[in-house]
Amino acid sequence: MQPLASISSLASAGGPRSAGWQAQLRVDYVVNKVAQTHRGQNEDQVKQALNDQLRVFGVVPNAKQMAIYAKAISALPEIPPTGHR
């Protein structure tokens, strides 16, 4: 599965960076991870997963932005289980 947002371009770009660029990388990483594991689930569950995982990375989530991400992720179709047994 392809990530929703590209973080490699931010990480590899040289030169001056704006304040908070590391926090944004962490947010992008967590949103991509949660989008793969919680898609199609209830918005509250997605929001909780985002909040929990962002705090692990030392990021205090913005409530409005997390609500937007949670709504988008919960609207995604669930990934069907693989044929592995």
C-alpha atoms as a PDB file:
ATOM      1  CA  MET A   1       0.000   0.000   0.000  1.00  0.00           C
ATOM      2  CA  GLN A   2       1.292   3.450  -0.885  1.00  0.00           C
ATOM      3  CA  PRO A   3       1.489   6.128   1.837  1.00  0.00           C
ATOM      4  CA  LEU A   4      -1.007   8.957   1.635  1.00  0.00           C
ATOM      5  CA  ALA A   5       1.550  11.714   2.138  1.00  0.00           C
ATOM      6  CA  SER A   6       5.149  11.748   1.066  1.00  0.00           C
ATOM      7  CA  ILE A   7       7.528  12.373   3.925  1.00  0.00           C
ATOM      8  CA  SER A   8      10.690  11.424   2.066  1.00  0.00           C
ATOM      9  CA  SER A   9      10.758  14.719   0.181  1.00  0.00           C
ATOM     10  CA  LEU A  10      10.693  16.652   3.447  1.00  0.00           C
ATOM     11  CA  ALA A  11      13.323  14.474   5.090  1.00  0.00           C
ATOM     12  CA  SER A  12      15.779  14.579   2.203  1.00  0.00           C
ATOM     13  CA  ALA A  13      15.426  18.232   1.221  1.00  0.00           C
ATOM     14  CA  GLY A  14      18.501  20.269   2.046  1.00  0.00           C
ATOM     15  CA  GLY A  15      18.718  23.856   3.131  1.00  0.00           C
ATOM     16  CA  PRO A  16      16.845  25.817   5.774  1.00  0.00           C
ATOM     17  CA  ARG A  17      13.712  24.273   7.228  1.00  0.00           C
ATOM     18  CA  SER A  18      10.789  25.975   8.880  1.00  0.00           C
ATOM     19  CA  ALA A  19      10.172  25.583  12.584  1.00  0.00           C
ATOM     20  CA  GLY A  20       8.208  22.449  13.378  1.00  0.00           C
ATOM     21  CA  TRP A  21       9.293  20.409  10.366  1.00  0.00           C
ATOM     22  CA  GLN A  22      10.172  17.413  12.553  1.00  0.00           C
ATOM     23  CA  ALA A  23       6.771  17.524  14.233  1.00  0.00           C
ATOM     24  CA  GLN A  24       5.119  17.578  10.792  1.00  0.00           C
ATOM     25  CA  LEU A  25       7.124  14.522   9.742  1.00  0.00           C
ATOM     26  CA  ARG A  26       5.889  12.718  12.839  1.00  0.00           C
ATOM     27  CA  VAL A  27       2.290  13.736  12.155  1.00  0.00           C
ATOM     28  CA  ASP A  28       2.566  12.542   8.542  1.00  0.00           C
ATOM     29  CA  TYR A  29       4.049   9.226   9.659  1.00  0.00           C
ATOM     30  CA  VAL A  30       1.329   8.607  12.266  1.00  0.00           C
ATOM     31  CA  VAL A  31      -1.507   9.613   9.917  1.00  0.00           C
ATOM     32  CA  ASN A  32      -0.197   7.211   7.263  1.00  0.00           C
ATOM     33  CA  LYS A  33       0.182   4.411   9.802  1.00  0.00           C
ATOM     34  CA  VAL A  34      -3.303   4.923  11.266  1.00  0.00           C
ATOM     35  CA  ALA A  35      -4.773   5.206   7.754  1.00  0.00           C
ATOM     36  CA  GLN A  36      -3.506   1.684   7.081  1.00  0.00           C
ATOM     37  CA  THR A  37      -4.603   0.130  10.375  1.00  0.00           C
ATOM     38  CA  HIS A  38      -7.853   1.950  11.242  1.00  0.00           C
ATOM     39  CA  ARG A  39      -9.453   2.839   7.914  1.00  0.00           C
ATOM     40  CA  GLY A  40     -13.215   2.385   7.839  1.00  0.00           C
ATOM     41  CA  GLN A  41     -13.479   2.378  11.632  1.00  0.00           C
ATOM     42  CA  ASN A  42     -15.483   4.748  13.801  1.00  0.00           C
ATOM     43  CA  GLU A  43     -14.190   8.350  13.840  1.00  0.00           C
ATOM     44  CA  ASP A  44     -13.750   8.267  17.619  1.00  0.00           C
ATOM     45  CA  GLN A  45     -11.605   5.131  17.397  1.00  0.00           C
ATOM     46  CA  VAL A  46      -9.477   6.699  14.662  1.00  0.00           C
ATOM     47  CA  LYS A  47      -9.124   9.939  16.628  1.00  0.00           C
ATOM     48  CA  GLN A  48      -8.049   8.013  19.721  1.00  0.00           C
ATOM     49  CA  ALA A  49      -5.467   6.032  17.732  1.00  0.00           C
ATOM     50  CA  LEU A  50      -4.089   9.255  16.236  1.00  0.00           C
ATOM     51  CA  ASN A  51      -3.874  10.935  19.633  1.00  0.00           C
ATOM     52  CA  ASP A  52      -2.262   7.932  21.318  1.00  0.00           C
ATOM     53  CA  GLN A  53       0.344   7.398  18.625  1.00  0.00           C
ATOM     54  CA  LEU A  54       1.199  11.089  18.256  1.00  0.00           C
ATOM     55  CA  ARG A  55       1.813  11.371  21.988  1.00  0.00           C
ATOM     56  CA  VAL A  56       4.220   8.418  21.767  1.00  0.00           C
ATOM     57  CA  PHE A  57       6.240  10.533  19.319  1.00  0.00           C
ATOM     58  CA  GLY A  58       6.079  13.584  21.594  1.00  0.00           C
ATOM     59  CA  VAL A  59       3.588  15.522  19.479  1.00  0.00           C
ATOM     60  CA  VAL A  60       0.643  17.272  21.109  1.00  0.00           C
ATOM     61  CA  PRO A  61      -2.155  16.827  18.571  1.00  0.00           C
ATOM     62  CA  ASN A  62      -4.220  19.720  17.266  1.00  0.00           C
ATOM     63  CA  ALA A  63      -7.840  18.728  17.990  1.00  0.00           C
ATOM     64  CA  LYS A  64      -9.288  20.350  14.857  1.00  0.00           C
ATOM     65  CA  GLN A  65      -6.695  18.792  12.559  1.00  0.00           C
ATOM     66  CA  MET A  66      -7.101  15.362  14.194  1.00  0.00           C
ATOM     67  CA  ALA A  67     -10.871  15.558  13.646  1.00  0.00           C
ATOM     68  CA  ILE A  68     -10.279  16.245   9.935  1.00  0.00           C
ATOM     69  CA  TYR A  69      -7.814  13.342   9.643  1.00  0.00           C
ATOM     70  CA  ALA A  70     -10.128  11.018  11.610  1.00  0.00           C
ATOM     71  CA  LYS A  71     -13.112  11.839   9.386  1.00  0.00           C
ATOM     72  CA  ALA A  72     -11.081  11.189   6.231  1.00  0.00           C
ATOM     73  CA  ILE A  73      -9.589   7.924   7.528  1.00  0.00           C
ATOM     74  CA  SER A  74     -12.916   6.588   8.779  1.00  0.00           C
ATOM     75  CA  ALA A  75     -14.438   7.279   5.338  1.00  0.00           C
ATOM     76  CA  LEU A  76     -11.854   5.047   3.638  1.00  0.00           C
ATOM     77  CA  PRO A  77     -12.942   1.509   2.775  1.00  0.00           C
ATOM     78  CA  GLU A  78     -11.559  -1.200   5.021  1.00  0.00           C
ATOM     79  CA  ILE A  79      -8.680  -3.237   3.655  1.00  0.00           C
ATOM     80  CA  PRO A  80      -9.915  -6.777   2.971  1.00  0.00           C
ATOM     81  CA  PRO A  81      -8.084  -9.513   4.870  1.00  0.00           C
ATOM     82  CA  THR A  82      -5.350 -11.285   2.966  1.00  0.00           C
ATOM     83  CA  GLY A  83      -5.600 -14.950   2.016  1.00  0.00           C
ATOM     84  CA  HIS A  84      -2.920 -15.974   4.552  1.00  0.00           C
ATOM     85  CA  ARG A  85      -3.916 -18.661   7.006  1.00  0.00           C
END
